[in-house]
């Protein structure tokens, strides 16, 4: 009987954007299916760092995205390139470093995978300070670059397109640290279902042009367009 303890794969994500969470789920499934003697552990880093503030901050985030998207757009554009403002804002999220360090010391993972930019930043900072020495993988869940995804002590980036790979290289990231695999998806997307079954289930007219629009976060839409 093999009594060897399973290797832990720590996957850090957050529900501030459903894409981060779903990519984390996809990686967890892949580790279970493809890596022998491995145990994926997925954690919401924001919930762990700020357990008391998390519920209200998550509520405010969701409401602001829907009611005031221009605010999110402003902050995204303002911090896309590293500058004094982006550094100051990022420092707020680095306040949870000791909590993350404690988690890593308890779990002792073989590798840390980040699907959330601030998680990637914390792991890079811990490595920079010599507090941990663990391979750090960042899976960028966007199709473009942003300063909060890029950190000097990240060992491997997984990106969703050749264009994003080129953007990272232009920003100084070493080419051998970037893998263009596409954004990971859960294995159920590989299932092939009978077309007739889907037409009946979603009441789609086979003689009408149908456009499927899939939104992020919690909003999904489907509408038929007679074009």
Protein backbone atom coordinates (compact mmCIF):
# COMPACT_ATOMS: atom_id res chain seq x y z
CA UNK A 1 0.00 0.00 0.00
CA UNK A 2 1.30 3.45 -0.88
CA UNK A 3 1.25 5.57 2.27
CA UNK A 4 3.07 8.51 0.73
CA UNK A 5 1.32 11.77 1.49
CA UNK A 6 -0.21 13.41 -1.56
CA UNK A 7 1.43 16.48 -3.06
CA UNK A 8 -0.66 19.57 -2.40
CA UNK A 9 -1.45 21.98 -5.23
CA UNK A 10 -2.64 25.27 -3.73
CA UNK A 11 -4.93 27.19 -6.09
CA UNK A 12 -5.60 30.78 -5.03
CA UNK A 13 -8.60 32.50 -6.53
CA UNK A 14 -11.43 34.91 -5.66
CA UNK A 15 -15.09 35.44 -6.50
CA UNK A 16 -14.52 39.06 -7.51
CA UNK A 17 -15.21 38.02 -11.09
CA UNK A 18 -16.59 34.57 -11.86
CA UNK A 19 -13.86 33.82 -14.39
CA UNK A 20 -11.17 33.59 -11.70
CA UNK A 21 -13.22 31.02 -9.80
CA UNK A 22 -14.10 28.91 -12.83
CA UNK A 23 -10.49 28.73 -14.02
CA UNK A 24 -9.52 27.61 -10.51
CA UNK A 25 -12.18 24.90 -10.73
CA UNK A 26 -10.82 23.82 -14.11
CA UNK A 27 -7.29 23.53 -12.72
CA UNK A 28 -8.54 21.58 -9.72
CA UNK A 29 -10.29 19.10 -12.02
CA UNK A 30 -7.18 18.77 -14.18
CA UNK A 31 -4.95 18.05 -11.17
CA UNK A 32 -7.37 15.37 -9.94
CA UNK A 33 -7.57 13.74 -13.37
CA UNK A 34 -4.00 14.05 -14.61
CA UNK A 35 -1.58 14.23 -11.66
CA UNK A 36 -1.02 11.06 -9.65
CA UNK A 37 -0.94 11.30 -5.85
CA UNK A 38 -1.93 14.96 -5.90
CA UNK A 39 -4.50 16.93 -3.93
CA UNK A 40 -5.73 20.28 -5.28
CA UNK A 41 -6.75 22.79 -2.62
CA UNK A 42 -8.70 25.79 -3.88
CA UNK A 43 -9.04 28.85 -1.66
CA UNK A 44 -10.75 32.22 -2.00
CA UNK A 45 -7.87 34.45 -1.00
CA UNK A 46 -10.00 37.54 -0.34
CA UNK A 47 -12.28 35.63 2.00
CA UNK A 48 -9.29 34.35 3.97
CA UNK A 49 -7.46 37.67 4.15
CA UNK A 50 -10.46 39.82 5.07
CA UNK A 51 -13.10 37.45 6.54
CA UNK A 52 -15.07 40.23 8.21
CA UNK A 53 -15.01 42.66 5.29
CA UNK A 54 -15.43 40.04 2.59
CA UNK A 55 -19.26 39.78 2.52
CA UNK A 56 -19.87 43.52 2.26
CA UNK A 57 -16.95 44.16 -0.09
CA UNK A 58 -18.17 41.40 -2.40
CA UNK A 59 -21.69 42.84 -2.32
CA UNK A 60 -20.39 46.33 -3.13
CA UNK A 61 -18.26 44.94 -5.96
CA UNK A 62 -21.22 43.21 -7.62
CA UNK A 63 -23.48 46.21 -7.24
CA UNK A 64 -20.88 48.66 -8.51
CA UNK A 65 -20.23 46.56 -11.62
CA UNK A 66 -23.92 46.69 -12.50
CA UNK A 67 -24.78 50.22 -11.34
CA UNK A 68 -21.52 52.10 -11.86
CA UNK A 69 -19.45 50.24 -14.48
CA UNK A 70 -17.71 53.50 -15.40
CA UNK A 71 -15.98 53.47 -11.99
CA UNK A 72 -14.59 49.99 -12.59
CA UNK A 73 -13.55 51.02 -16.10
CA UNK A 74 -11.74 54.09 -14.74
CA UNK A 75 -9.81 52.10 -12.13
CA UNK A 76 -8.93 49.38 -14.64
CA UNK A 77 -7.53 51.87 -17.13
CA UNK A 78 -5.83 53.93 -14.42
CA UNK A 79 -3.92 50.88 -13.14
CA UNK A 80 -3.30 49.01 -16.38
CA UNK A 81 0.23 50.42 -16.60
CA UNK A 82 2.30 50.40 -13.41
CA UNK A 83 2.38 53.87 -11.84
CA UNK A 84 2.29 55.55 -8.44
CA UNK A 85 -1.50 55.21 -8.22
CA UNK A 86 -1.52 51.51 -9.10
CA UNK A 87 1.26 50.83 -6.58
CA UNK A 88 -0.63 52.59 -3.77
CA UNK A 89 -3.86 50.77 -4.56
CA UNK A 90 -2.08 47.44 -4.81
CA UNK A 91 -0.50 47.96 -1.37
CA UNK A 92 -3.97 47.63 0.16
CA UNK A 93 -4.27 44.08 -1.14
CA UNK A 94 -0.75 43.15 -0.04
CA UNK A 95 -1.84 43.72 3.55
CA UNK A 96 -2.81 40.03 3.81
CA UNK A 97 0.67 38.64 3.22
CA UNK A 98 1.06 37.16 6.70
CA UNK A 99 -2.25 35.34 6.44
CA UNK A 100 -1.25 33.79 3.11
CA UNK A 101 2.17 32.88 4.51
CA UNK A 102 0.52 31.07 7.42
CA UNK A 103 -1.72 29.14 5.01
CA UNK A 104 1.27 28.08 2.92
CA UNK A 105 3.22 27.00 5.99
CA UNK A 106 0.29 24.84 7.12
CA UNK A 107 -0.51 23.26 3.74
CA UNK A 108 3.09 22.96 2.45
CA UNK A 109 2.07 22.92 -1.23
CA UNK A 110 4.28 21.66 -4.03
CA UNK A 111 3.22 24.56 -6.21
CA UNK A 112 1.00 27.64 -5.89
CA UNK A 113 -1.32 28.53 -8.78
CA UNK A 114 -2.92 31.97 -8.83
CA UNK A 115 -5.97 32.76 -10.94
CA UNK A 116 -6.49 36.13 -9.27
CA UNK A 117 -4.03 39.00 -9.85
CA UNK A 118 -3.68 40.11 -6.22
CA UNK A 119 -2.98 36.53 -5.17
CA UNK A 120 -0.17 36.43 -7.73
CA UNK A 121 1.18 39.67 -6.30
CA UNK A 122 1.22 38.37 -2.73
CA UNK A 123 2.98 35.14 -3.70
CA UNK A 124 5.61 37.08 -5.66
CA UNK A 125 6.19 39.39 -2.69
CA UNK A 126 6.59 36.46 -0.30
CA UNK A 127 9.18 34.95 -2.63
CA UNK A 128 10.95 38.29 -3.01
CA UNK A 129 11.32 38.53 0.77
CA UNK A 130 12.66 34.99 0.99
CA UNK A 131 9.73 33.77 3.08
CA UNK A 132 8.78 30.99 0.66
CA UNK A 133 10.54 29.10 -2.12
CA UNK A 134 7.74 27.43 -4.07
CA UNK A 135 7.09 27.44 -7.84
CA UNK A 136 4.53 30.15 -8.58
CA UNK A 137 2.22 29.83 -11.56
CA UNK A 138 -0.10 32.64 -12.67
CA UNK A 139 -3.01 31.91 -14.98
CA UNK A 140 -4.14 35.17 -16.54
CA UNK A 141 -7.91 35.02 -16.95
CA UNK A 142 -8.04 38.05 -19.27
CA UNK A 143 -7.11 38.40 -22.93
CA UNK A 144 -4.99 41.49 -22.40
CA UNK A 145 -2.21 42.60 -20.10
CA UNK A 146 -2.56 44.53 -16.86
CA UNK A 147 0.07 45.59 -14.34
CA UNK A 148 -1.55 43.63 -11.50
CA UNK A 149 -0.94 40.32 -13.28
CA UNK A 150 2.78 40.84 -13.82
CA UNK A 151 5.20 40.22 -10.95
CA UNK A 152 8.96 39.64 -10.90
CA UNK A 153 8.96 36.38 -8.91
CA UNK A 154 6.35 34.54 -10.95
CA UNK A 155 7.90 31.39 -12.40
CA UNK A 156 5.32 30.60 -15.08
CA UNK A 157 2.50 32.46 -16.83
CA UNK A 158 -0.36 30.70 -18.59
CA UNK A 159 -2.09 32.94 -21.13
CA UNK A 160 -5.11 32.70 -23.39
CA UNK A 161 -3.71 33.97 -26.69
CA UNK A 162 -0.56 34.53 -28.74
CA UNK A 163 -1.32 38.25 -28.67
CA UNK A 164 -1.20 38.34 -24.87
CA UNK A 165 2.03 36.34 -24.89
CA UNK A 166 3.57 38.96 -27.18
CA UNK A 167 2.30 41.75 -24.91
CA UNK A 168 3.96 40.19 -21.87
CA UNK A 169 7.24 39.76 -23.75
CA UNK A 170 7.07 43.43 -24.78
CA UNK A 171 6.69 44.30 -21.09
CA UNK A 172 9.85 42.41 -20.20
CA UNK A 173 8.59 38.97 -19.23
CA UNK A 174 10.97 36.23 -20.40
CA UNK A 175 9.49 34.20 -23.27
CA UNK A 176 10.28 30.85 -21.67
CA UNK A 177 8.12 31.81 -18.69
CA UNK A 178 4.97 32.09 -20.81
CA UNK A 179 2.79 29.24 -22.05
CA UNK A 180 -0.02 30.02 -24.50
CA UNK A 181 -2.53 27.26 -23.80
CA UNK A 182 -5.77 29.18 -23.98
CA UNK A 183 -7.71 29.99 -20.82
CA UNK A 184 -8.39 26.67 -19.02
CA UNK A 185 -11.99 25.44 -19.13
CA UNK A 186 -13.76 22.73 -17.18
CA UNK A 187 -13.86 19.29 -18.77
CA UNK A 188 -17.64 19.33 -19.18
CA UNK A 189 -17.15 21.79 -22.05
CA UNK A 190 -15.58 18.92 -23.94
CA UNK A 191 -18.81 16.93 -23.88
CA UNK A 192 -20.52 16.54 -27.25
CA UNK A 193 -24.30 16.65 -26.94
CA UNK A 194 -26.89 15.75 -29.60
CA UNK A 195 -27.94 18.82 -31.55
CA UNK A 196 -31.61 17.86 -31.58
CA UNK A 197 -31.62 17.52 -27.81
CA UNK A 198 -30.21 21.01 -27.36
CA UNK A 199 -32.66 22.52 -29.82
CA UNK A 200 -35.57 21.04 -27.88
CA UNK A 201 -34.18 21.89 -24.44
CA UNK A 202 -33.62 25.56 -25.23
CA UNK A 203 -36.57 25.89 -27.61
CA UNK A 204 -34.38 27.01 -30.50
CA UNK A 205 -35.84 27.23 -33.97
CA UNK A 206 -33.43 25.31 -36.25
CA UNK A 207 -34.47 27.48 -39.20
CA UNK A 208 -33.62 30.74 -37.49
CA UNK A 209 -30.15 32.24 -37.08
CA UNK A 210 -29.32 31.95 -33.38
CA UNK A 211 -26.69 33.99 -31.57
CA UNK A 212 -25.52 32.90 -28.12
CA UNK A 213 -24.16 35.69 -25.94
CA UNK A 214 -22.32 34.57 -22.82
CA UNK A 215 -21.60 37.21 -20.21
CA UNK A 216 -19.20 37.12 -17.29
CA UNK A 217 -19.88 37.20 -13.55
CA UNK A 218 -23.47 36.21 -12.79
CA UNK A 219 -25.19 37.45 -15.93
CA UNK A 220 -25.88 35.17 -18.86
CA UNK A 221 -28.14 35.88 -21.78
CA UNK A 222 -29.54 33.93 -24.71
CA UNK A 223 -31.61 35.52 -27.41
CA UNK A 224 -32.63 34.60 -30.94
CA UNK A 225 -32.00 37.14 -33.67
CA UNK A 226 -33.95 36.82 -36.90
CA UNK A 227 -31.20 38.01 -39.25
